[in-house]
Amino acid sequence: MFPRLELFTPYALLFLRLMAGLVFVDSGYNDLKSPGARSTSLGLPKGLLLFLGVAELLGGIAVIIGFLPQLAAVGLILIMLGALQKKMFVWKTGFWGKDGFGWNYELILVSMLLVILCTNGGPFVV
């Protein structure tokens, strides 16, 4: 139906990396900006939250610039699996959750990261 769209695959993968990376850079930055308030709201120790913030920030940057994107994707997937576990089994939010704070968001990010993992982020990597 749409001929030759595969020519745009490298650009689509670059855009996917940019969008996924921006989410993690922003989340990591917010964790590091106010770790006390974030650790209280998430119910995590402050030290663990600082570690997760640094991991999200660096992993997001690595995904964006394409520096070891598969390794960064694996690390970020592990963080998302922890978030899924917390939302599903500790907080018991539904798929959509109250006010849109369900675990659908984490599944979308894991899906994006799986594409990055399986494609090495495309040809535009460092």
PDB file of N, CA and C in Angstrom:
ATOM      1  N   MET A   1       0.825  -1.189   0.000  1.00  0.00           N
ATOM      2  CA  MET A   1       0.000   0.000   0.000  1.00  0.00           C
ATOM      3  C   MET A   1       0.875   1.261   0.000  1.00  0.00           C
ATOM      4  N   PHE A   2       1.839   1.327   0.916  1.00  0.00           N
ATOM      5  CA  PHE A   2       2.762   2.446   0.959  1.00  0.00           C
ATOM      6  C   PHE A   2       4.128   1.946   0.510  1.00  0.00           C
ATOM      7  N   PRO A   3       4.516   2.226  -0.691  1.00  0.00           N
ATOM      8  CA  PRO A   3       5.775   1.669  -1.199  1.00  0.00           C
ATOM      9  C   PRO A   3       6.986   2.325  -0.564  1.00  0.00           C
ATOM     10  N   ARG A   4       7.979   1.506  -0.295  1.00  0.00           N
ATOM     11  CA  ARG A   4       9.317   1.954   0.104  1.00  0.00           C
ATOM     12  C   ARG A   4       9.375   2.690   1.444  1.00  0.00           C
ATOM     13  N   LEU A   5       8.433   2.441   2.334  1.00  0.00           N
ATOM     14  CA  LEU A   5       8.501   3.074   3.648  1.00  0.00           C
ATOM     15  C   LEU A   5       9.672   2.567   4.471  1.00  0.00           C
ATOM     16  N   GLU A   6      10.196   1.394   4.129  1.00  0.00           N
ATOM     17  CA  GLU A   6      11.335   0.865   4.864  1.00  0.00           C
ATOM     18  C   GLU A   6      12.557   1.779   4.760  1.00  0.00           C
ATOM     19  N   LEU A   7      12.557   2.664   3.790  1.00  0.00           N
ATOM     20  CA  LEU A   7      13.657   3.630   3.669  1.00  0.00           C
ATOM     21  C   LEU A   7      13.695   4.592   4.848  1.00  0.00           C
ATOM     22  N   PHE A   8      12.559   4.757   5.514  1.00  0.00           N
ATOM     23  CA  PHE A   8      12.470   5.679   6.645  1.00  0.00           C
ATOM     24  C   PHE A   8      12.716   5.006   7.986  1.00  0.00           C
ATOM     25  N   THR A   9      12.953   3.699   7.984  1.00  0.00           N
ATOM     26  CA  THR A   9      13.159   2.966   9.233  1.00  0.00           C
ATOM     27  C   THR A   9      14.288   3.550  10.089  1.00  0.00           C
ATOM     28  N   PRO A  10      15.445   3.896   9.531  1.00  0.00           N
ATOM     29  CA  PRO A  10      16.491   4.475  10.371  1.00  0.00           C
ATOM     30  C   PRO A  10      16.065   5.760  11.076  1.00  0.00           C
ATOM     31  N   TYR A  11      15.264   6.573  10.399  1.00  0.00           N
ATOM     32  CA  TYR A  11      14.808   7.828  10.992  1.00  0.00           C
ATOM     33  C   TYR A  11      13.726   7.575  12.048  1.00  0.00           C
ATOM     34  N   ALA A  12      12.894   6.579  11.800  1.00  0.00           N
ATOM     35  CA  ALA A  12      11.881   6.216  12.789  1.00  0.00           C
ATOM     36  C   ALA A  12      12.545   5.683  14.061  1.00  0.00           C
ATOM     37  N   LEU A  13      13.597   4.881  13.902  1.00  0.00           N
ATOM     38  CA  LEU A  13      14.310   4.369  15.072  1.00  0.00           C
ATOM     39  C   LEU A  13      15.034   5.482  15.814  1.00  0.00           C
ATOM     40  N   LEU A  14      15.571   6.443  15.090  1.00  0.00           N
ATOM     41  CA  LEU A  14      16.199   7.600  15.731  1.00  0.00           C
ATOM     42  C   LEU A  14      15.162   8.389  16.526  1.00  0.00           C
ATOM     43  N   PHE A  15      13.991   8.603  15.955  1.00  0.00           N
ATOM     44  CA  PHE A  15      12.921   9.312  16.652  1.00  0.00           C
ATOM     45  C   PHE A  15      12.468   8.535  17.883  1.00  0.00           C
ATOM     46  N   LEU A  16      12.350   7.220  17.755  1.00  0.00           N
ATOM     47  CA  LEU A  16      11.970   6.374  18.886  1.00  0.00           C
ATOM     48  C   LEU A  16      12.992   6.499  20.018  1.00  0.00           C
ATOM     49  N   ARG A  17      14.284   6.468  19.665  1.00  0.00           N
ATOM     50  CA  ARG A  17      15.331   6.626  20.680  1.00  0.00           C
ATOM     51  C   ARG A  17      15.240   7.989  21.346  1.00  0.00           C
ATOM     52  N   LEU A  18      15.011   9.017  20.574  1.00  0.00           N
ATOM     53  CA  LEU A  18      14.909  10.367  21.125  1.00  0.00           C
ATOM     54  C   LEU A  18      13.753  10.473  22.105  1.00  0.00           C
ATOM     55  N   MET A  19      12.590   9.967  21.724  1.00  0.00           N
ATOM     56  CA  MET A  19      11.416  10.067  22.590  1.00  0.00           C
ATOM     57  C   MET A  19      11.574   9.231  23.868  1.00  0.00           C
ATOM     58  N   ALA A  20      12.045   8.003  23.736  1.00  0.00           N
ATOM     59  CA  ALA A  20      12.243   7.158  24.919  1.00  0.00           C
ATOM     60  C   ALA A  20      13.306   7.774  25.825  1.00  0.00           C
ATOM     61  N   GLY A  21      14.397   8.225  25.237  1.00  0.00           N
ATOM     62  CA  GLY A  21      15.469   8.819  26.024  1.00  0.00           C
ATOM     63  C   GLY A  21      15.034  10.068  26.763  1.00  0.00           C
ATOM     64  N   LEU A  22      14.239  10.916  26.110  1.00  0.00           N
ATOM     65  CA  LEU A  22      13.769  12.137  26.765  1.00  0.00           C
ATOM     66  C   LEU A  22      12.914  11.838  27.995  1.00  0.00           C
ATOM     67  N   VAL A  23      12.100  10.804  27.912  1.00  0.00           N
ATOM     68  CA  VAL A  23      11.273  10.421  29.059  1.00  0.00           C
ATOM     69  C   VAL A  23      12.162  10.058  30.247  1.00  0.00           C
ATOM     70  N   PHE A  24      13.207   9.275  29.987  1.00  0.00           N
ATOM     71  CA  PHE A  24      14.072   8.833  31.083  1.00  0.00           C
ATOM     72  C   PHE A  24      14.986   9.950  31.584  1.00  0.00           C
ATOM     73  N   VAL A  25      15.453  10.812  30.700  1.00  0.00           N
ATOM     74  CA  VAL A  25      16.266  11.945  31.135  1.00  0.00           C
ATOM     75  C   VAL A  25      15.438  12.850  32.049  1.00  0.00           C
ATOM     76  N   ASP A  26      14.213  13.129  31.651  1.00  0.00           N
ATOM     77  CA  ASP A  26      13.350  13.983  32.464  1.00  0.00           C
ATOM     78  C   ASP A  26      13.038  13.339  33.810  1.00  0.00           C
ATOM     79  N   SER A  27      12.734  12.052  33.799  1.00  0.00           N
ATOM     80  CA  SER A  27      12.424  11.352  35.049  1.00  0.00           C
ATOM     81  C   SER A  27      13.636  11.311  35.973  1.00  0.00           C
ATOM     82  N   GLY A  28      14.792  10.991  35.418  1.00  0.00           N
ATOM     83  CA  GLY A  28      16.000  10.957  36.234  1.00  0.00           C
ATOM     84  C   GLY A  28      16.351  12.316  36.790  1.00  0.00           C
ATOM     85  N   TYR A  29      16.198  13.364  35.971  1.00  0.00           N
ATOM     86  CA  TYR A  29      16.470  14.724  36.433  1.00  0.00           C
ATOM     87  C   TYR A  29      15.541  15.107  37.577  1.00  0.00           C
ATOM     88  N   ASN A  30      14.246  14.773  37.452  1.00  0.00           N
ATOM     89  CA  ASN A  30      13.292  15.080  38.517  1.00  0.00           C
ATOM     90  C   ASN A  30      13.612  14.310  39.793  1.00  0.00           C
ATOM     91  N   ASP A  31      14.063  13.081  39.656  1.00  0.00           N
ATOM     92  CA  ASP A  31      14.461  12.306  40.839  1.00  0.00           C
ATOM     93  C   ASP A  31      15.640  12.957  41.547  1.00  0.00           C
ATOM     94  N   LEU A  32      16.592  13.450  40.777  1.00  0.00           N
ATOM     95  CA  LEU A  32      17.792  14.039  41.372  1.00  0.00           C
ATOM     96  C   LEU A  32      17.552  15.464  41.867  1.00  0.00           C
ATOM     97  N   LYS A  33      16.571  16.142  41.298  1.00  0.00           N
ATOM     98  CA  LYS A  33      16.277  17.516  41.682  1.00  0.00           C
ATOM     99  C   LYS A  33      15.671  17.588  43.077  1.00  0.00           C
ATOM    100  N   SER A  34      14.775  16.677  43.386  1.00  0.00           N
ATOM    101  CA  SER A  34      14.137  16.674  44.708  1.00  0.00           C
ATOM    102  C   SER A  34      14.010  15.234  45.212  1.00  0.00           C
ATOM    103  N   PRO A  35      15.144  14.653  45.616  1.00  0.00           N
ATOM    104  CA  PRO A  35      15.111  13.227  46.000  1.00  0.00           C
ATOM    105  C   PRO A  35      14.297  12.947  47.261  1.00  0.00           C
ATOM    106  N   GLY A  36      14.288  13.870  48.194  1.00  0.00           N
ATOM    107  CA  GLY A  36      13.538  13.635  49.429  1.00  0.00           C
ATOM    108  C   GLY A  36      12.054  13.493  49.186  1.00  0.00           C
ATOM    109  N   ALA A  37      11.497  14.442  48.452  1.00  0.00           N
ATOM    110  CA  ALA A  37      10.059  14.403  48.168  1.00  0.00           C
ATOM    111  C   ALA A  37       9.708  13.207  47.287  1.00  0.00           C
ATOM    112  N   ARG A  38      10.546  12.930  46.297  1.00  0.00           N
ATOM    113  CA  ARG A  38      10.272  11.800  45.401  1.00  0.00           C
ATOM    114  C   ARG A  38      10.355  10.468  46.141  1.00  0.00           C
ATOM    115  N   SER A  39      11.356  10.328  47.014  1.00  0.00           N
ATOM    116  CA  SER A  39      11.489   9.052  47.731  1.00  0.00           C
ATOM    117  C   SER A  39      10.300   8.830  48.657  1.00  0.00           C
ATOM    118  N   THR A  40       9.804   9.887  49.257  1.00  0.00           N
ATOM    119  CA  THR A  40       8.629   9.768  50.120  1.00  0.00           C
ATOM    120  C   THR A  40       7.394   9.393  49.308  1.00  0.00           C
ATOM    121  N   SER A  41       7.192  10.066  48.175  1.00  0.00           N
ATOM    122  CA  SER A  41       5.994   9.800  47.382  1.00  0.00           C
ATOM    123  C   SER A  41       6.009   8.403  46.768  1.00  0.00           C
ATOM    124  N   LEU A  42       7.192   7.880  46.455  1.00  0.00           N
ATOM    125  CA  LEU A  42       7.281   6.544  45.863  1.00  0.00           C
ATOM    126  C   LEU A  42       7.471   5.435  46.892  1.00  0.00           C
ATOM    127  N   GLY A  43       7.773   5.816  48.116  1.00  0.00           N
ATOM    128  CA  GLY A  43       7.998   4.812  49.151  1.00  0.00           C
ATOM    129  C   GLY A  43       9.303   4.061  48.980  1.00  0.00           C
ATOM    130  N   LEU A  44      10.327   4.758  48.494  1.00  0.00           N
ATOM    131  CA  LEU A  44      11.642   4.156  48.285  1.00  0.00           C
ATOM    132  C   LEU A  44      12.669   4.843  49.159  1.00  0.00           C
ATOM    133  N   PRO A  45      13.705   4.124  49.574  1.00  0.00           N
ATOM    134  CA  PRO A  45      14.793   4.777  50.310  1.00  0.00           C
ATOM    135  C   PRO A  45      15.473   5.828  49.428  1.00  0.00           C
ATOM    136  N   LYS A  46      15.933   6.888  50.058  1.00  0.00           N
ATOM    137  CA  LYS A  46      16.531   7.996  49.313  1.00  0.00           C
ATOM    138  C   LYS A  46      17.752   7.545  48.506  1.00  0.00           C
ATOM    139  N   GLY A  47      18.573   6.668  49.063  1.00  0.00           N
ATOM    140  CA  GLY A  47      19.746   6.176  48.353  1.00  0.00           C
ATOM    141  C   GLY A  47      19.378   5.422  47.087  1.00  0.00           C
ATOM    142  N   LEU A  48      18.356   4.583  47.176  1.00  0.00           N
ATOM    143  CA  LEU A  48      17.897   3.840  46.003  1.00  0.00           C
ATOM    144  C   LEU A  48      17.337   4.791  44.960  1.00  0.00           C
ATOM    145  N   LEU A  49      16.597   5.794  45.400  1.00  0.00           N
ATOM    146  CA  LEU A  49      16.044   6.755  44.461  1.00  0.00           C
ATOM    147  C   LEU A  49      17.150   7.535  43.755  1.00  0.00           C
ATOM    148  N   LEU A  50      18.191   7.902  44.474  1.00  0.00           N
ATOM    149  CA  LEU A  50      19.321   8.596  43.840  1.00  0.00           C
ATOM    150  C   LEU A  50      19.988   7.704  42.790  1.00  0.00           C
ATOM    151  N   PHE A  51      20.175   6.425  43.131  1.00  0.00           N
ATOM    152  CA  PHE A  51      20.749   5.480  42.168  1.00  0.00           C
ATOM    153  C   PHE A  51      19.874   5.377  40.926  1.00  0.00           C
ATOM    154  N   LEU A  52      18.563   5.235  41.119  1.00  0.00           N
ATOM    155  CA  LEU A  52      17.646   5.122  39.993  1.00  0.00           C
ATOM    156  C   LEU A  52      17.634   6.404  39.158  1.00  0.00           C
ATOM    157  N   GLY A  53      17.710   7.545  39.829  1.00  0.00           N
ATOM    158  CA  GLY A  53      17.743   8.814  39.108  1.00  0.00           C
ATOM    159  C   GLY A  53      18.963   8.933  38.216  1.00  0.00           C
ATOM    160  N   VAL A  54      20.128   8.576  38.750  1.00  0.00           N
ATOM    161  CA  VAL A  54      21.357   8.617  37.952  1.00  0.00           C
ATOM    162  C   VAL A  54      21.275   7.606  36.811  1.00  0.00           C
ATOM    163  N   ALA A  55      20.762   6.408  37.092  1.00  0.00           N
ATOM    164  CA  ALA A  55      20.648   5.377  36.056  1.00  0.00           C
ATOM    165  C   ALA A  55      19.697   5.813  34.946  1.00  0.00           C
ATOM    166  N   GLU A  56      18.567   6.408  35.312  1.00  0.00           N
ATOM    167  CA  GLU A  56      17.626   6.883  34.298  1.00  0.00           C
ATOM    168  C   GLU A  56      18.233   8.014  33.471  1.00  0.00           C
ATOM    169  N   LEU A  57      18.882   8.939  34.132  1.00  0.00           N
ATOM    170  CA  LEU A  57      19.484  10.069  33.431  1.00  0.00           C
ATOM    171  C   LEU A  57      20.558   9.605  32.452  1.00  0.00           C
ATOM    172  N   LEU A  58      21.492   8.792  32.927  1.00  0.00           N
ATOM    173  CA  LEU A  58      22.571   8.320  32.061  1.00  0.00           C
ATOM    174  C   LEU A  58      22.066   7.356  30.986  1.00  0.00           C
ATOM    175  N   GLY A  59      21.126   6.489  31.356  1.00  0.00           N
ATOM    176  CA  GLY A  59      20.554   5.566  30.374  1.00  0.00           C
ATOM    177  C   GLY A  59      19.788   6.299  29.289  1.00  0.00           C
ATOM    178  N   GLY A  60      19.048   7.322  29.676  1.00  0.00           N
ATOM    179  CA  GLY A  60      18.316   8.118  28.697  1.00  0.00           C
ATOM    180  C   GLY A  60      19.249   8.836  27.742  1.00  0.00           C
ATOM    181  N   ILE A  61      20.336   9.406  28.276  1.00  0.00           N
ATOM    182  CA  ILE A  61      21.322  10.085  27.429  1.00  0.00           C
ATOM    183  C   ILE A  61      21.968   9.077  26.473  1.00  0.00           C
ATOM    184  N   ALA A  62      22.308   7.900  26.997  1.00  0.00           N
ATOM    185  CA  ALA A  62      22.930   6.876  26.159  1.00  0.00           C
ATOM    186  C   ALA A  62      22.002   6.432  25.034  1.00  0.00           C
ATOM    187  N   VAL A  63      20.729   6.281  25.331  1.00  0.00           N
ATOM    188  CA  VAL A  63      19.760   5.890  24.306  1.00  0.00           C
ATOM    189  C   VAL A  63      19.646   6.992  23.248  1.00  0.00           C
ATOM    190  N   ILE A  64      19.588   8.242  23.687  1.00  0.00           N
ATOM    191  CA  ILE A  64      19.434   9.353  22.742  1.00  0.00           C
ATOM    192  C   ILE A  64      20.621   9.439  21.786  1.00  0.00           C
ATOM    193  N   ILE A  65      21.828   9.421  22.332  1.00  0.00           N
ATOM    194  CA  ILE A  65      22.995   9.596  21.460  1.00  0.00           C
ATOM    195  C   ILE A  65      23.427   8.295  20.796  1.00  0.00           C
ATOM    196  N   GLY A  66      22.874   7.184  21.231  1.00  0.00           N
ATOM    197  CA  GLY A  66      23.203   5.903  20.620  1.00  0.00           C
ATOM    198  C   GLY A  66      24.504   5.314  21.117  1.00  0.00           C
ATOM    199  N   PHE A  67      24.867   5.611  22.358  1.00  0.00           N
ATOM    200  CA  PHE A  67      26.071   5.040  22.957  1.00  0.00           C
ATOM    201  C   PHE A  67      25.680   3.790  23.726  1.00  0.00           C
ATOM    202  N   LEU A  68      26.104   2.636  23.244  1.00  0.00           N
ATOM    203  CA  LEU A  68      25.725   1.340  23.816  1.00  0.00           C
ATOM    204  C   LEU A  68      24.207   1.266  24.054  1.00  0.00           C
ATOM    205  N   PRO A  69      23.418   1.481  23.001  1.00  0.00           N
ATOM    206  CA  PRO A  69      21.972   1.563  23.201  1.00  0.00           C
ATOM    207  C   PRO A  69      21.337   0.268  23.697  1.00  0.00           C
ATOM    208  N   GLN A  70      21.906  -0.880  23.340  1.00  0.00           N
ATOM    209  CA  GLN A  70      21.325  -2.133  23.827  1.00  0.00           C
ATOM    210  C   GLN A  70      21.539  -2.291  25.327  1.00  0.00           C
ATOM    211  N   LEU A  71      22.720  -1.969  25.802  1.00  0.00           N
ATOM    212  CA  LEU A  71      23.003  -2.047  27.235  1.00  0.00           C
ATOM    213  C   LEU A  71      22.130  -1.062  28.010  1.00  0.00           C
ATOM    214  N   ALA A  72      22.011   0.153  27.486  1.00  0.00           N
ATOM    215  CA  ALA A  72      21.164   1.153  28.128  1.00  0.00           C
ATOM    216  C   ALA A  72      19.711   0.697  28.148  1.00  0.00           C
ATOM    217  N   ALA A  73      19.249   0.097  27.047  1.00  0.00           N
ATOM    218  CA  ALA A  73      17.871  -0.377  26.978  1.00  0.00           C
ATOM    219  C   ALA A  73      17.612  -1.480  28.009  1.00  0.00           C
ATOM    220  N   VAL A  74      18.563  -2.397  28.166  1.00  0.00           N
ATOM    221  CA  VAL A  74      18.397  -3.462  29.163  1.00  0.00           C
ATOM    222  C   VAL A  74      18.290  -2.870  30.566  1.00  0.00           C
ATOM    223  N   GLY A  75      19.167  -1.933  30.895  1.00  0.00           N
ATOM    224  CA  GLY A  75      19.113  -1.298  32.213  1.00  0.00           C
ATOM    225  C   GLY A  75      17.802  -0.572  32.449  1.00  0.00           C
ATOM    226  N   LEU A  76      17.336   0.148  31.450  1.00  0.00           N
ATOM    227  CA  LEU A  76      16.079   0.883  31.604  1.00  0.00           C
ATOM    228  C   LEU A  76      14.884  -0.060  31.655  1.00  0.00           C
ATOM    229  N   ILE A  77      14.954  -1.174  30.932  1.00  0.00           N
ATOM    230  CA  ILE A  77      13.879  -2.179  31.026  1.00  0.00           C
ATOM    231  C   ILE A  77      13.808  -2.726  32.446  1.00  0.00           C
ATOM    232  N   LEU A  78      14.947  -2.986  33.052  1.00  0.00           N
ATOM    233  CA  LEU A  78      14.947  -3.489  34.434  1.00  0.00           C
ATOM    234  C   LEU A  78      14.313  -2.478  35.390  1.00  0.00           C
ATOM    235  N   ILE A  79      14.613  -1.200  35.186  1.00  0.00           N
ATOM    236  CA  ILE A  79      13.989  -0.167  36.015  1.00  0.00           C
ATOM    237  C   ILE A  79      12.478  -0.172  35.808  1.00  0.00           C
ATOM    238  N   MET A  80      12.047  -0.302  34.558  1.00  0.00           N
ATOM    239  CA  MET A  80      10.615  -0.322  34.264  1.00  0.00           C
ATOM    240  C   MET A  80       9.939  -1.565  34.829  1.00  0.00           C
ATOM    241  N   LEU A  81      10.636  -2.688  34.846  1.00  0.00           N
ATOM    242  CA  LEU A  81      10.055  -3.891  35.456  1.00  0.00           C
ATOM    243  C   LEU A  81       9.837  -3.680  36.952  1.00  0.00           C
ATOM    244  N   GLY A  82      10.754  -2.966  37.594  1.00  0.00           N
ATOM    245  CA  GLY A  82      10.561  -2.616  38.999  1.00  0.00           C
ATOM    246  C   GLY A  82       9.367  -1.701  39.190  1.00  0.00           C
ATOM    247  N   ALA A  83       9.200  -0.732  38.293  1.00  0.00           N
ATOM    248  CA  ALA A  83       8.046   0.165  38.373  1.00  0.00           C
ATOM    249  C   ALA A  83       6.744  -0.600  38.136  1.00  0.00           C
ATOM    250  N   LEU A  84       6.770  -1.540  37.183  1.00  0.00           N
ATOM    251  CA  LEU A  84       5.584  -2.361  36.936  1.00  0.00           C
ATOM    252  C   LEU A  84       5.221  -3.193  38.163  1.00  0.00           C
ATOM    253  N   GLN A  85       6.234  -3.790  38.773  1.00  0.00           N
ATOM    254  CA  GLN A  85       5.990  -4.601  39.967  1.00  0.00           C
ATOM    255  C   GLN A  85       5.347  -3.759  41.065  1.00  0.00           C
ATOM    256  N   LYS A  86       5.860  -2.563  41.264  1.00  0.00           N
ATOM    257  CA  LYS A  86       5.333  -1.680  42.316  1.00  0.00           C
ATOM    258  C   LYS A  86       3.885  -1.291  42.016  1.00  0.00           C
ATOM    259  N   LYS A  87       3.602  -0.896  40.780  1.00  0.00           N
ATOM    260  CA  LYS A  87       2.252  -0.465  40.438  1.00  0.00           C
ATOM    261  C   LYS A  87       1.248  -1.616  40.445  1.00  0.00           C
ATOM    262  N   MET A  88       1.666  -2.786  39.970  1.00  0.00           N
ATOM    263  CA  MET A  88       0.727  -3.895  39.845  1.00  0.00           C
ATOM    264  C   MET A  88       0.470  -4.608  41.172  1.00  0.00           C
ATOM    265  N   PHE A  89       1.532  -4.856  41.942  1.00  0.00           N
ATOM    266  CA  PHE A  89       1.396  -5.728  43.098  1.00  0.00           C
ATOM    267  C   PHE A  89       1.441  -5.017  44.441  1.00  0.00           C
ATOM    268  N   VAL A  90       2.062  -3.844  44.500  1.00  0.00           N
ATOM    269  CA  VAL A  90       2.113  -3.107  45.762  1.00  0.00           C
ATOM    270  C   VAL A  90       0.984  -2.081  45.809  1.00  0.00           C
ATOM    271  N   TRP A  91       0.909  -1.229  44.799  1.00  0.00           N
ATOM    272  CA  TRP A  91      -0.130  -0.199  44.772  1.00  0.00           C
ATOM    273  C   TRP A  91      -1.443  -0.710  44.203  1.00  0.00           C
ATOM    274  N   LYS A  92      -1.383  -1.840  43.469  1.00  0.00           N
ATOM    275  CA  LYS A  92      -2.560  -2.479  42.878  1.00  0.00           C
ATOM    276  C   LYS A  92      -3.377  -1.518  42.005  1.00  0.00           C
ATOM    277  N   THR A  93      -2.667  -0.728  41.203  1.00  0.00           N
ATOM    278  CA  THR A  93      -3.367   0.121  40.240  1.00  0.00           C
ATOM    279  C   THR A  93      -3.769  -0.751  39.064  1.00  0.00           C
ATOM    280  N   GLY A  94      -4.794  -0.351  38.384  1.00  0.00           N
ATOM    281  CA  GLY A  94      -5.228  -1.087  37.206  1.00  0.00           C
ATOM    282  C   GLY A  94      -4.376  -0.721  35.996  1.00  0.00           C
ATOM    283  N   PHE A  95      -4.720  -1.324  34.880  1.00  0.00           N
ATOM    284  CA  PHE A  95      -3.983  -1.047  33.649  1.00  0.00           C
ATOM    285  C   PHE A  95      -4.017   0.447  33.332  1.00  0.00           C
ATOM    286  N   TRP A  96      -5.193   1.049  33.395  1.00  0.00           N
ATOM    287  CA  TRP A  96      -5.316   2.484  33.142  1.00  0.00           C
ATOM    288  C   TRP A  96      -5.109   3.281  34.415  1.00  0.00           C
ATOM    289  N   GLY A  97      -5.451   2.722  35.555  1.00  0.00           N
ATOM    290  CA  GLY A  97      -5.245   3.392  36.837  1.00  0.00           C
ATOM    291  C   GLY A  97      -6.157   4.580  37.028  1.00  0.00           C
ATOM    292  N   LYS A  98      -6.073   5.133  38.233  1.00  0.00           N
ATOM    293  CA  LYS A  98      -6.852   6.331  38.548  1.00  0.00           C
ATOM    294  C   LYS A  98      -6.132   7.545  37.983  1.00  0.00           C
ATOM    295  N   ASP A  99      -6.862   8.415  37.321  1.00  0.00           N
ATOM    296  CA  ASP A  99      -6.308   9.635  36.720  1.00  0.00           C
ATOM    297  C   ASP A  99      -5.206   9.331  35.711  1.00  0.00           C
ATOM    298  N   GLY A 100      -5.267   8.174  35.072  1.00  0.00           N
ATOM    299  CA  GLY A 100      -4.284   7.826  34.053  1.00  0.00           C
ATOM    300  C   GLY A 100      -2.946   7.368  34.593  1.00  0.00           C
ATOM    301  N   PHE A 101      -2.865   7.029  35.877  1.00  0.00           N
ATOM    302  CA  PHE A 101      -1.602   6.605  36.472  1.00  0.00           C
ATOM    303  C   PHE A 101      -1.525   5.089  36.627  1.00  0.00           C
ATOM    304  N   GLY A 102      -1.997   4.375  35.634  1.00  0.00           N
ATOM    305  CA  GLY A 102      -1.893   2.924  35.638  1.00  0.00           C
ATOM    306  C   GLY A 102      -0.543   2.484  35.107  1.00  0.00           C
ATOM    307  N   TRP A 103      -0.442   1.196  34.811  1.00  0.00           N
ATOM    308  CA  TRP A 103       0.842   0.670  34.362  1.00  0.00           C
ATOM    309  C   TRP A 103       0.927   0.536  32.850  1.00  0.00           C
ATOM    310  N   ASN A 104      -0.018   1.131  32.126  1.00  0.00           N
ATOM    311  CA  ASN A 104       0.064   1.144  30.670  1.00  0.00           C
ATOM    312  C   ASN A 104       1.277   1.940  30.187  1.00  0.00           C
ATOM    313  N   TYR A 105       1.603   3.003  30.878  1.00  0.00           N
ATOM    314  CA  TYR A 105       2.739   3.861  30.528  1.00  0.00           C
ATOM    315  C   TYR A 105       4.052   3.073  30.567  1.00  0.00           C
ATOM    316  N   GLU A 106       4.243   2.286  31.614  1.00  0.00           N
ATOM    317  CA  GLU A 106       5.462   1.496  31.745  1.00  0.00           C
ATOM    318  C   GLU A 106       5.560   0.437  30.647  1.00  0.00           C
ATOM    319  N   LEU A 107       4.411  -0.154  30.284  1.00  0.00           N
ATOM    320  CA  LEU A 107       4.416  -1.154  29.210  1.00  0.00           C
ATOM    321  C   LEU A 107       4.775  -0.527  27.864  1.00  0.00           C
ATOM    322  N   ILE A 108       4.307   0.682  27.631  1.00  0.00           N
ATOM    323  CA  ILE A 108       4.669   1.374  26.389  1.00  0.00           C
ATOM    324  C   ILE A 108       6.168   1.623  26.350  1.00  0.00           C
ATOM    325  N   LEU A 109       6.736   2.076  27.457  1.00  0.00           N
ATOM    326  CA  LEU A 109       8.180   2.325  27.501  1.00  0.00           C
ATOM    327  C   LEU A 109       8.978   1.029  27.336  1.00  0.00           C
ATOM    328  N   VAL A 110       8.531  -0.041  27.958  1.00  0.00           N
ATOM    329  CA  VAL A 110       9.214  -1.330  27.793  1.00  0.00           C
ATOM    330  C   VAL A 110       9.153  -1.758  26.331  1.00  0.00           C
ATOM    331  N   SER A 111       8.014  -1.555  25.674  1.00  0.00           N
ATOM    332  CA  SER A 111       7.891  -1.901  24.253  1.00  0.00           C
ATOM    333  C   SER A 111       8.869  -1.100  23.406  1.00  0.00           C
ATOM    334  N   MET A 112       8.975   0.189  23.677  1.00  0.00           N
ATOM    335  CA  MET A 112       9.913   1.038  22.949  1.00  0.00           C
ATOM    336  C   MET A 112      11.351   0.563  23.165  1.00  0.00           C
ATOM    337  N   LEU A 113      11.668   0.242  24.409  1.00  0.00           N
ATOM    338  CA  LEU A 113      13.028  -0.198  24.735  1.00  0.00           C
ATOM    339  C   LEU A 113      13.335  -1.557  24.118  1.00  0.00           C
ATOM    340  N   LEU A 114      12.342  -2.422  24.004  1.00  0.00           N
ATOM    341  CA  LEU A 114      12.557  -3.715  23.344  1.00  0.00           C
ATOM    342  C   LEU A 114      12.888  -3.536  21.866  1.00  0.00           C
ATOM    343  N   VAL A 115      12.251  -2.576  21.218  1.00  0.00           N
ATOM    344  CA  VAL A 115      12.581  -2.297  19.818  1.00  0.00           C
ATOM    345  C   VAL A 115      14.022  -1.795  19.720  1.00  0.00           C
ATOM    346  N   ILE A 116      14.406  -0.907  20.627  1.00  0.00           N
ATOM    347  CA  ILE A 116      15.786  -0.403  20.644  1.00  0.00           C
ATOM    348  C   ILE A 116      16.754  -1.547  20.901  1.00  0.00           C
ATOM    349  N   LEU A 117      16.423  -2.418  21.838  1.00  0.00           N
ATOM    350  CA  LEU A 117      17.275  -3.558  22.156  1.00  0.00           C
ATOM    351  C   LEU A 117      17.442  -4.476  20.947  1.00  0.00           C
ATOM    352  N   CYS A 118      16.360  -4.785  20.266  1.00  0.00           N
ATOM    353  CA  CYS A 118      16.410  -5.756  19.165  1.00  0.00           C
ATOM    354  C   CYS A 118      16.985  -5.175  17.872  1.00  0.00           C
ATOM    355  N   THR A 119      17.016  -3.863  17.752  1.00  0.00           N
ATOM    356  CA  THR A 119      17.542  -3.248  16.519  1.00  0.00           C
ATOM    357  C   THR A 119      18.867  -2.526  16.745  1.00  0.00           C
ATOM    358  N   ASN A 120      19.352  -2.548  17.967  1.00  0.00           N
ATOM    359  CA  ASN A 120      20.535  -1.783  18.371  1.00  0.00           C
ATOM    360  C   ASN A 120      20.331  -0.288  18.137  1.00  0.00           C
ATOM    361  N   GLY A 121      19.077   0.153  18.124  1.00  0.00           N
ATOM    362  CA  GLY A 121      18.768   1.557  17.986  1.00  0.00           C
ATOM    363  C   GLY A 121      18.862   2.089  16.563  1.00  0.00           C
ATOM    364  N   GLY A 122      19.103   1.240  15.606  1.00  0.00           N
ATOM    365  CA  GLY A 122      19.196   1.678  14.220  1.00  0.00           C
ATOM    366  C   GLY A 122      20.628   2.020  13.826  1.00  0.00           C
ATOM    367  N   PRO A 123      20.796   2.532  12.615  1.00  0.00           N
ATOM    368  CA  PRO A 123      22.156   2.783  12.114  1.00  0.00           C
ATOM    369  C   PRO A 123      22.800   4.065  12.653  1.00  0.00           C
ATOM    370  N   PHE A 124      22.010   4.995  13.187  1.00  0.00           N
ATOM    371  CA  PHE A 124      22.574   6.261  13.650  1.00  0.00           C
ATOM    372  C   PHE A 124      22.974   6.144  15.126  1.00  0.00           C
ATOM    373  N   VAL A 125      23.997   5.376  15.401  1.00  0.00           N
ATOM    374  CA  VAL A 125      24.504   5.204  16.764  1.00  0.00           C
ATOM    375  C   VAL A 125      25.984   5.549  16.790  1.00  0.00           C
ATOM    376  N   VAL A 126      26.464   5.805  17.990  1.00  0.00           N
ATOM    377  CA  VAL A 126      27.880   6.162  18.159  1.00  0.00           C
ATOM    378  C   VAL A 126      28.723   4.900  18.067  1.00  0.00           C
TER     379      VAL A 126
END
